[in-house]
Amino acid sequence: FDVPCFGMRTLESMELGGIAAAALEADNVVILEKE
């Protein structure tokens, strides 16, 4: 029903929020368009 995701929009939101680091749970968070 729900897969936690991290993508390009997340990066943009981090930059706008002044956040320069993220820690994602391995094997449980999908990085969309990883490369």
PDB file of all heavy atoms in Angstrom:
ATOM      1  N   PHE A   1       0.791  -1.221   0.000  1.00  0.00           N
ATOM      2  CA  PHE A   1       0.000   0.000   0.000  1.00  0.00           C
ATOM      3  C   PHE A   1       0.828   1.280   0.000  1.00  0.00           C
ATOM      4  O   PHE A   1       0.325   2.332  -0.373  1.00  0.00           O
ATOM      5  CB  PHE A   1      -0.924   0.030   1.228  1.00  0.00           C
ATOM      6  CG  PHE A   1      -1.656  -1.251   1.468  1.00  0.00           C
ATOM      7  CD1 PHE A   1      -1.682  -1.833   2.718  1.00  0.00           C
ATOM      8  CD2 PHE A   1      -2.302  -1.896   0.434  1.00  0.00           C
ATOM      9  CE1 PHE A   1      -2.362  -3.017   2.950  1.00  0.00           C
ATOM     10  CE2 PHE A   1      -2.982  -3.085   0.641  1.00  0.00           C
ATOM     11  CZ  PHE A   1      -3.012  -3.646   1.904  1.00  0.00           C
ATOM     12  N   ASP A   2       2.053   1.191   0.428  1.00  0.00           N
ATOM     13  CA  ASP A   2       2.844   2.415   0.578  1.00  0.00           C
ATOM     14  C   ASP A   2       4.325   2.078   0.589  1.00  0.00           C
ATOM     15  O   ASP A   2       4.764   1.261   1.401  1.00  0.00           O
ATOM     16  CB  ASP A   2       2.457   3.131   1.873  1.00  0.00           C
ATOM     17  CG  ASP A   2       3.340   4.334   2.163  1.00  0.00           C
ATOM     18  OD1 ASP A   2       3.720   5.033   1.197  1.00  0.00           O
ATOM     19  OD2 ASP A   2       3.652   4.579   3.337  1.00  0.00           O
ATOM     20  N   VAL A   3       5.076   2.684  -0.306  1.00  0.00           N
ATOM     21  CA  VAL A   3       6.532   2.527  -0.317  1.00  0.00           C
ATOM     22  C   VAL A   3       7.155   3.908  -0.120  1.00  0.00           C
ATOM     23  O   VAL A   3       6.934   4.803  -0.935  1.00  0.00           O
ATOM     24  CB  VAL A   3       7.035   1.909  -1.640  1.00  0.00           C
ATOM     25  CG1 VAL A   3       8.558   1.818  -1.629  1.00  0.00           C
ATOM     26  CG2 VAL A   3       6.436   0.533  -1.852  1.00  0.00           C
ATOM     27  N   PRO A   4       7.915   4.110   0.962  1.00  0.00           N
ATOM     28  CA  PRO A   4       8.591   5.387   1.156  1.00  0.00           C
ATOM     29  C   PRO A   4       9.558   5.660   0.007  1.00  0.00           C
ATOM     30  O   PRO A   4      10.343   4.792  -0.367  1.00  0.00           O
ATOM     31  CB  PRO A   4       9.346   5.190   2.476  1.00  0.00           C
ATOM     32  CG  PRO A   4       8.655   4.058   3.153  1.00  0.00           C
ATOM     33  CD  PRO A   4       8.174   3.163   2.056  1.00  0.00           C
ATOM     34  N   CYS A   5       9.479   6.863  -0.540  1.00  0.00           N
ATOM     35  CA  CYS A   5      10.307   7.202  -1.704  1.00  0.00           C
ATOM     36  C   CYS A   5      11.128   8.463  -1.455  1.00  0.00           C
ATOM     37  O   CYS A   5      10.746   9.331  -0.676  1.00  0.00           O
ATOM     38  CB  CYS A   5       9.429   7.413  -2.939  1.00  0.00           C
ATOM     39  SG  CYS A   5       8.577   5.939  -3.509  1.00  0.00           S
ATOM     40  N   PHE A   6      12.238   8.539  -2.162  1.00  0.00           N
ATOM     41  CA  PHE A   6      13.110   9.712  -2.149  1.00  0.00           C
ATOM     42  C   PHE A   6      13.464   9.979  -3.609  1.00  0.00           C
ATOM     43  O   PHE A   6      13.969   9.091  -4.295  1.00  0.00           O
ATOM     44  CB  PHE A   6      14.374   9.428  -1.328  1.00  0.00           C
ATOM     45  CG  PHE A   6      15.275  10.622  -1.140  1.00  0.00           C
ATOM     46  CD1 PHE A   6      15.262  11.336   0.049  1.00  0.00           C
ATOM     47  CD2 PHE A   6      16.125  11.042  -2.149  1.00  0.00           C
ATOM     48  CE1 PHE A   6      16.085  12.434   0.228  1.00  0.00           C
ATOM     49  CE2 PHE A   6      16.948  12.144  -1.979  1.00  0.00           C
ATOM     50  CZ  PHE A   6      16.930  12.853  -0.781  1.00  0.00           C
ATOM     51  N   GLY A   7      13.198  11.211  -4.080  1.00  0.00           N
ATOM     52  CA  GLY A   7      13.458  11.504  -5.488  1.00  0.00           C
ATOM     53  C   GLY A   7      13.957  12.909  -5.719  1.00  0.00           C
ATOM     54  O   GLY A   7      14.373  13.613  -4.793  1.00  0.00           O
ATOM     55  N   MET A   8      13.890  13.330  -6.967  1.00  0.00           N
ATOM     56  CA  MET A   8      14.402  14.643  -7.352  1.00  0.00           C
ATOM     57  C   MET A   8      13.659  15.771  -6.632  1.00  0.00           C
ATOM     58  O   MET A   8      14.259  16.762  -6.222  1.00  0.00           O
ATOM     59  CB  MET A   8      14.266  14.812  -8.871  1.00  0.00           C
ATOM     60  CG  MET A   8      15.139  13.862  -9.675  1.00  0.00           C
ATOM     61  SD  MET A   8      16.908  14.206  -9.448  1.00  0.00           S
ATOM     62  CE  MET A   8      17.059  15.738 -10.360  1.00  0.00           C
ATOM     63  N   ARG A   9      12.352  15.590  -6.471  1.00  0.00           N
ATOM     64  CA  ARG A   9      11.585  16.629  -5.780  1.00  0.00           C
ATOM     65  C   ARG A   9      12.001  16.714  -4.312  1.00  0.00           C
ATOM     66  O   ARG A   9      12.010  17.801  -3.724  1.00  0.00           O
ATOM     67  CB  ARG A   9      10.096  16.338  -5.893  1.00  0.00           C
ATOM     68  CG  ARG A   9       9.251  17.390  -5.215  1.00  0.00           C
ATOM     69  CD  ARG A   9       7.810  17.326  -5.622  1.00  0.00           C
ATOM     70  NE  ARG A   9       7.019  18.290  -4.893  1.00  0.00           N
ATOM     71  CZ  ARG A   9       5.827  18.713  -5.264  1.00  0.00           C
ATOM     72  NH1 ARG A   9       5.284  18.259  -6.369  1.00  0.00           N
ATOM     73  NH2 ARG A   9       5.167  19.583  -4.525  1.00  0.00           N
ATOM     74  N   THR A  10      12.350  15.587  -3.715  1.00  0.00           N
ATOM     75  CA  THR A  10      12.803  15.602  -2.322  1.00  0.00           C
ATOM     76  C   THR A  10      14.089  16.411  -2.191  1.00  0.00           C
ATOM     77  O   THR A  10      14.251  17.180  -1.241  1.00  0.00           O
ATOM     78  CB  THR A  10      13.035  14.170  -1.810  1.00  0.00           C
ATOM     79  OG1 THR A  10      12.018  13.308  -2.288  1.00  0.00           O
ATOM     80  CG2 THR A  10      13.057  14.143  -0.287  1.00  0.00           C
ATOM     81  N   LEU A  11      14.998  16.222  -3.131  1.00  0.00           N
ATOM     82  CA  LEU A  11      16.248  16.990  -3.121  1.00  0.00           C
ATOM     83  C   LEU A  11      15.961  18.487  -3.211  1.00  0.00           C
ATOM     84  O   LEU A  11      16.554  19.294  -2.488  1.00  0.00           O
ATOM     85  CB  LEU A  11      17.131  16.571  -4.292  1.00  0.00           C
ATOM     86  CG  LEU A  11      17.918  15.271  -4.181  1.00  0.00           C
ATOM     87  CD1 LEU A  11      18.700  15.035  -5.471  1.00  0.00           C
ATOM     88  CD2 LEU A  11      18.858  15.293  -2.986  1.00  0.00           C
ATOM     89  N   GLU A  12      15.046  18.847  -4.096  1.00  0.00           N
ATOM     90  CA  GLU A  12      14.692  20.257  -4.251  1.00  0.00           C
ATOM     91  C   GLU A  12      14.106  20.805  -2.947  1.00  0.00           C
ATOM     92  O   GLU A  12      14.432  21.922  -2.525  1.00  0.00           O
ATOM     93  CB  GLU A  12      13.674  20.406  -5.384  1.00  0.00           C
ATOM     94  CG  GLU A  12      13.215  21.836  -5.622  1.00  0.00           C
ATOM     95  CD  GLU A  12      12.121  21.929  -6.673  1.00  0.00           C
ATOM     96  OE1 GLU A  12      11.861  20.927  -7.368  1.00  0.00           O
ATOM     97  OE2 GLU A  12      11.517  23.008  -6.777  1.00  0.00           O
ATOM     98  N   SER A  13      13.265  20.014  -2.306  1.00  0.00           N
ATOM     99  CA  SER A  13      12.648  20.454  -1.056  1.00  0.00           C
ATOM    100  C   SER A  13      13.684  20.582   0.053  1.00  0.00           C
ATOM    101  O   SER A  13      13.614  21.498   0.882  1.00  0.00           O
ATOM    102  CB  SER A  13      11.547  19.472  -0.641  1.00  0.00           C
ATOM    103  OG  SER A  13      10.515  19.448  -1.604  1.00  0.00           O
ATOM    104  N   MET A  14      14.651  19.657   0.094  1.00  0.00           N
ATOM    105  CA  MET A  14      15.731  19.761   1.070  1.00  0.00           C
ATOM    106  C   MET A  14      16.517  21.047   0.873  1.00  0.00           C
ATOM    107  O   MET A  14      16.821  21.765   1.830  1.00  0.00           O
ATOM    108  CB  MET A  14      16.664  18.550   0.962  1.00  0.00           C
ATOM    109  CG  MET A  14      16.099  17.258   1.513  1.00  0.00           C
ATOM    110  SD  MET A  14      17.264  15.877   1.364  1.00  0.00           S
ATOM    111  CE  MET A  14      18.630  16.441   2.408  1.00  0.00           C
ATOM    112  N   GLU A  15      16.843  21.352  -0.376  1.00  0.00           N
ATOM    113  CA  GLU A  15      17.616  22.561  -0.667  1.00  0.00           C
ATOM    114  C   GLU A  15      16.839  23.805  -0.241  1.00  0.00           C
ATOM    115  O   GLU A  15      17.394  24.712   0.399  1.00  0.00           O
ATOM    116  CB  GLU A  15      17.932  22.619  -2.156  1.00  0.00           C
ATOM    117  CG  GLU A  15      18.827  23.787  -2.540  1.00  0.00           C
ATOM    118  CD  GLU A  15      19.184  23.777  -4.011  1.00  0.00           C
ATOM    119  OE1 GLU A  15      18.302  23.462  -4.839  1.00  0.00           O
ATOM    120  OE2 GLU A  15      20.335  24.080  -4.347  1.00  0.00           O
ATOM    121  N   LEU A  16      15.545  23.857  -0.551  1.00  0.00           N
ATOM    122  CA  LEU A  16      14.723  25.003  -0.180  1.00  0.00           C
ATOM    123  C   LEU A  16      14.577  25.120   1.331  1.00  0.00           C
ATOM    124  O   LEU A  16      14.446  26.224   1.872  1.00  0.00           O
ATOM    125  CB  LEU A  16      13.341  24.883  -0.828  1.00  0.00           C
ATOM    126  CG  LEU A  16      13.302  25.060  -2.350  1.00  0.00           C
ATOM    127  CD1 LEU A  16      11.916  24.734  -2.891  1.00  0.00           C
ATOM    128  CD2 LEU A  16      13.699  26.474  -2.737  1.00  0.00           C
ATOM    129  N   GLY A  17      14.613  23.975   2.032  1.00  0.00           N
ATOM    130  CA  GLY A  17      14.482  23.988   3.481  1.00  0.00           C
ATOM    131  C   GLY A  17      15.792  24.178   4.217  1.00  0.00           C
ATOM    132  O   GLY A  17      15.810  24.243   5.458  1.00  0.00           O
ATOM    133  N   GLY A  18      16.900  24.261   3.479  1.00  0.00           N
ATOM    134  CA  GLY A  18      18.201  24.464   4.107  1.00  0.00           C
ATOM    135  C   GLY A  18      18.727  23.211   4.791  1.00  0.00           C
ATOM    136  O   GLY A  18      19.379  23.299   5.840  1.00  0.00           O
ATOM    137  N   ILE A  19      18.477  22.046   4.198  1.00  0.00           N
ATOM    138  CA  ILE A  19      18.897  20.766   4.778  1.00  0.00           C
ATOM    139  C   ILE A  19      19.886  20.098   3.818  1.00  0.00           C
ATOM    140  O   ILE A  19      19.562  19.849   2.655  1.00  0.00           O
ATOM    141  CB  ILE A  19      17.680  19.844   5.003  1.00  0.00           C
ATOM    142  CG1 ILE A  19      16.671  20.551   5.906  1.00  0.00           C
ATOM    143  CG2 ILE A  19      18.100  18.503   5.592  1.00  0.00           C
ATOM    144  CD1 ILE A  19      15.295  19.938   5.861  1.00  0.00           C
ATOM    145  N   ALA A  20      21.075  19.800   4.303  1.00  0.00           N
ATOM    146  CA  ALA A  20      22.140  19.309   3.423  1.00  0.00           C
ATOM    147  C   ALA A  20      22.494  17.849   3.641  1.00  0.00           C
ATOM    148  O   ALA A  20      23.498  17.369   3.104  1.00  0.00           O
ATOM    149  CB  ALA A  20      23.394  20.172   3.587  1.00  0.00           C
ATOM    150  N   ALA A  21      21.701  17.112   4.424  1.00  0.00           N
ATOM    151  CA  ALA A  21      22.012  15.699   4.653  1.00  0.00           C
ATOM    152  C   ALA A  21      20.730  14.914   4.913  1.00  0.00           C
ATOM    153  O   ALA A  21      19.791  15.415   5.544  1.00  0.00           O
ATOM    154  CB  ALA A  21      22.964  15.538   5.836  1.00  0.00           C
ATOM    155  N   ALA A  22      20.702  13.673   4.408  1.00  0.00           N
ATOM    156  CA  ALA A  22      19.549  12.798   4.619  1.00  0.00           C
ATOM    157  C   ALA A  22      20.032  11.390   4.909  1.00  0.00           C
ATOM    158  O   ALA A  22      21.027  10.928   4.324  1.00  0.00           O
ATOM    159  CB  ALA A  22      18.631  12.796   3.397  1.00  0.00           C
ATOM    160  N   ALA A  23      19.335  10.706   5.804  1.00  0.00           N
ATOM    161  CA  ALA A  23      19.634   9.313   6.153  1.00  0.00           C
ATOM    162  C   ALA A  23      18.399   8.478   5.854  1.00  0.00           C
ATOM    163  O   ALA A  23      17.334   8.700   6.431  1.00  0.00           O
ATOM    164  CB  ALA A  23      20.019   9.205   7.630  1.00  0.00           C
ATOM    165  N   LEU A  24      18.540   7.507   4.951  1.00  0.00           N
ATOM    166  CA  LEU A  24      17.424   6.713   4.464  1.00  0.00           C
ATOM    167  C   LEU A  24      17.575   5.263   4.915  1.00  0.00           C
ATOM    168  O   LEU A  24      18.672   4.703   4.831  1.00  0.00           O
ATOM    169  CB  LEU A  24      17.373   6.764   2.925  1.00  0.00           C
ATOM    170  CG  LEU A  24      17.534   8.147   2.286  1.00  0.00           C
ATOM    171  CD1 LEU A  24      17.597   8.027   0.772  1.00  0.00           C
ATOM    172  CD2 LEU A  24      16.399   9.069   2.720  1.00  0.00           C
ATOM    173  N   GLU A  25      16.480   4.665   5.374  1.00  0.00           N
ATOM    174  CA  GLU A  25      16.573   3.282   5.832  1.00  0.00           C
ATOM    175  C   GLU A  25      16.839   2.349   4.663  1.00  0.00           C
ATOM    176  O   GLU A  25      16.101   2.322   3.682  1.00  0.00           O
ATOM    177  CB  GLU A  25      15.296   2.860   6.564  1.00  0.00           C
ATOM    178  CG  GLU A  25      15.424   1.461   7.132  1.00  0.00           C
ATOM    179  CD  GLU A  25      14.292   1.059   8.052  1.00  0.00           C
ATOM    180  OE1 GLU A  25      13.438   1.911   8.369  1.00  0.00           O
ATOM    181  OE2 GLU A  25      14.271  -0.114   8.460  1.00  0.00           O
ATOM    182  N   ALA A  26      17.909   1.582   4.757  1.00  0.00           N
ATOM    183  CA  ALA A  26      18.323   0.668   3.693  1.00  0.00           C
ATOM    184  C   ALA A  26      17.273  -0.406   3.458  1.00  0.00           C
ATOM    185  O   ALA A  26      16.642  -0.903   4.399  1.00  0.00           O
ATOM    186  CB  ALA A  26      19.663   0.023   4.046  1.00  0.00           C
ATOM    187  N   ASP A  27      17.070  -0.739   2.189  1.00  0.00           N
ATOM    188  CA  ASP A  27      16.151  -1.787   1.735  1.00  0.00           C
ATOM    189  C   ASP A  27      14.682  -1.442   1.917  1.00  0.00           C
ATOM    190  O   ASP A  27      13.818  -2.225   1.512  1.00  0.00           O
ATOM    191  CB  ASP A  27      16.435  -3.134   2.426  1.00  0.00           C
ATOM    192  CG  ASP A  27      17.736  -3.765   1.964  1.00  0.00           C
ATOM    193  OD1 ASP A  27      18.106  -3.542   0.802  1.00  0.00           O
ATOM    194  OD2 ASP A  27      18.375  -4.444   2.771  1.00  0.00           O
ATOM    195  N   ASN A  28      14.386  -0.282   2.499  1.00  0.00           N
ATOM    196  CA  ASN A  28      12.987   0.085   2.730  1.00  0.00           C
ATOM    197  C   ASN A  28      12.579   1.384   2.050  1.00  0.00           C
ATOM    198  O   ASN A  28      11.392   1.649   1.903  1.00  0.00           O
ATOM    199  CB  ASN A  28      12.713   0.188   4.230  1.00  0.00           C
ATOM    200  CG  ASN A  28      12.672  -1.166   4.897  1.00  0.00           C
ATOM    201  OD1 ASN A  28      12.283  -2.160   4.291  1.00  0.00           O
ATOM    202  ND2 ASN A  28      13.091  -1.231   6.149  1.00  0.00           N
ATOM    203  N   VAL A  29      13.534   2.208   1.646  1.00  0.00           N
ATOM    204  CA  VAL A  29      13.239   3.461   0.957  1.00  0.00           C
ATOM    205  C   VAL A  29      13.693   3.335  -0.496  1.00  0.00           C
ATOM    206  O   VAL A  29      14.843   2.970  -0.768  1.00  0.00           O
ATOM    207  CB  VAL A  29      13.949   4.656   1.621  1.00  0.00           C
ATOM    208  CG1 VAL A  29      13.689   5.941   0.830  1.00  0.00           C
ATOM    209  CG2 VAL A  29      13.474   4.821   3.061  1.00  0.00           C
ATOM    210  N   VAL A  30      12.781   3.614  -1.415  1.00  0.00           N
ATOM    211  CA  VAL A  30      13.102   3.578  -2.839  1.00  0.00           C
ATOM    212  C   VAL A  30      13.632   4.939  -3.274  1.00  0.00           C
ATOM    213  O   VAL A  30      13.022   5.972  -2.984  1.00  0.00           O
ATOM    214  CB  VAL A  30      11.859   3.212  -3.675  1.00  0.00           C
ATOM    215  CG1 VAL A  30      12.126   3.424  -5.158  1.00  0.00           C
ATOM    216  CG2 VAL A  30      11.470   1.759  -3.435  1.00  0.00           C
ATOM    217  N   ILE A  31      14.771   4.935  -3.938  1.00  0.00           N
ATOM    218  CA  ILE A  31      15.334   6.164  -4.503  1.00  0.00           C
ATOM    219  C   ILE A  31      14.960   6.181  -5.980  1.00  0.00           C
ATOM    220  O   ILE A  31      15.520   5.441  -6.790  1.00  0.00           O
ATOM    221  CB  ILE A  31      16.860   6.225  -4.322  1.00  0.00           C
ATOM    222  CG1 ILE A  31      17.225   6.108  -2.843  1.00  0.00           C
ATOM    223  CG2 ILE A  31      17.411   7.527  -4.906  1.00  0.00           C
ATOM    224  CD1 ILE A  31      18.712   6.041  -2.578  1.00  0.00           C
ATOM    225  N   LEU A  32      13.976   6.996  -6.314  1.00  0.00           N
ATOM    226  CA  LEU A  32      13.470   7.038  -7.675  1.00  0.00           C
ATOM    227  C   LEU A  32      14.467   7.718  -8.608  1.00  0.00           C
ATOM    228  O   LEU A  32      14.966   8.794  -8.301  1.00  0.00           O
ATOM    229  CB  LEU A  32      12.135   7.788  -7.708  1.00  0.00           C
ATOM    230  CG  LEU A  32      10.977   7.122  -6.951  1.00  0.00           C
ATOM    231  CD1 LEU A  32       9.796   8.064  -6.866  1.00  0.00           C
ATOM    232  CD2 LEU A  32      10.590   5.825  -7.632  1.00  0.00           C
ATOM    233  N   GLU A  33      14.754   7.078  -9.738  1.00  0.00           N
ATOM    234  CA  GLU A  33      15.751   7.588 -10.687  1.00  0.00           C
ATOM    235  C   GLU A  33      17.088   7.759  -9.966  1.00  0.00           C
ATOM    236  O   GLU A  33      17.674   8.836  -9.922  1.00  0.00           O
ATOM    237  CB  GLU A  33      15.285   8.912 -11.305  1.00  0.00           C
ATOM    238  CG  GLU A  33      13.959   8.794 -12.044  1.00  0.00           C
ATOM    239  CD  GLU A  33      13.444  10.115 -12.573  1.00  0.00           C
ATOM    240  OE1 GLU A  33      13.207  11.026 -11.759  1.00  0.00           O
ATOM    241  OE2 GLU A  33      13.284  10.233 -13.795  1.00  0.00           O
ATOM    242  N   LYS A  34      17.558   6.679  -9.423  1.00  0.00           N
ATOM    243  CA  LYS A  34      18.688   6.681  -8.485  1.00  0.00           C
ATOM    244  C   LYS A  34      19.928   7.406  -9.008  1.00  0.00           C
ATOM    245  O   LYS A  34      20.484   8.286  -8.330  1.00  0.00           O
ATOM    246  CB  LYS A  34      19.040   5.233  -8.158  1.00  0.00           C
ATOM    247  CG  LYS A  34      19.881   5.043  -6.908  1.00  0.00           C
ATOM    248  CD  LYS A  34      20.161   3.560  -6.721  1.00  0.00           C
ATOM    249  CE  LYS A  34      20.057   3.151  -5.289  1.00  0.00           C
ATOM    250  NZ  LYS A  34      20.365   1.720  -5.081  1.00  0.00           N
ATOM    251  N   GLU A  35      20.369   7.071 -10.204  1.00  0.00           N
ATOM    252  CA  GLU A  35      21.587   7.699 -10.736  1.00  0.00           C
ATOM    253  C   GLU A  35      21.407   9.204 -10.898  1.00  0.00           C
ATOM    254  O   GLU A  35      22.318   9.987 -10.602  1.00  0.00           O
ATOM    255  CB  GLU A  35      21.965   7.054 -12.077  1.00  0.00           C
ATOM    256  CG  GLU A  35      22.418   5.602 -11.966  1.00  0.00           C
ATOM    257  CD  GLU A  35      22.879   5.039 -13.290  1.00  0.00           C
ATOM    258  OE1 GLU A  35      22.893   5.798 -14.291  1.00  0.00           O
ATOM    259  OE2 GLU A  35      23.218   3.840 -13.344  1.00  0.00           O
TER     260      GLU A  35
END
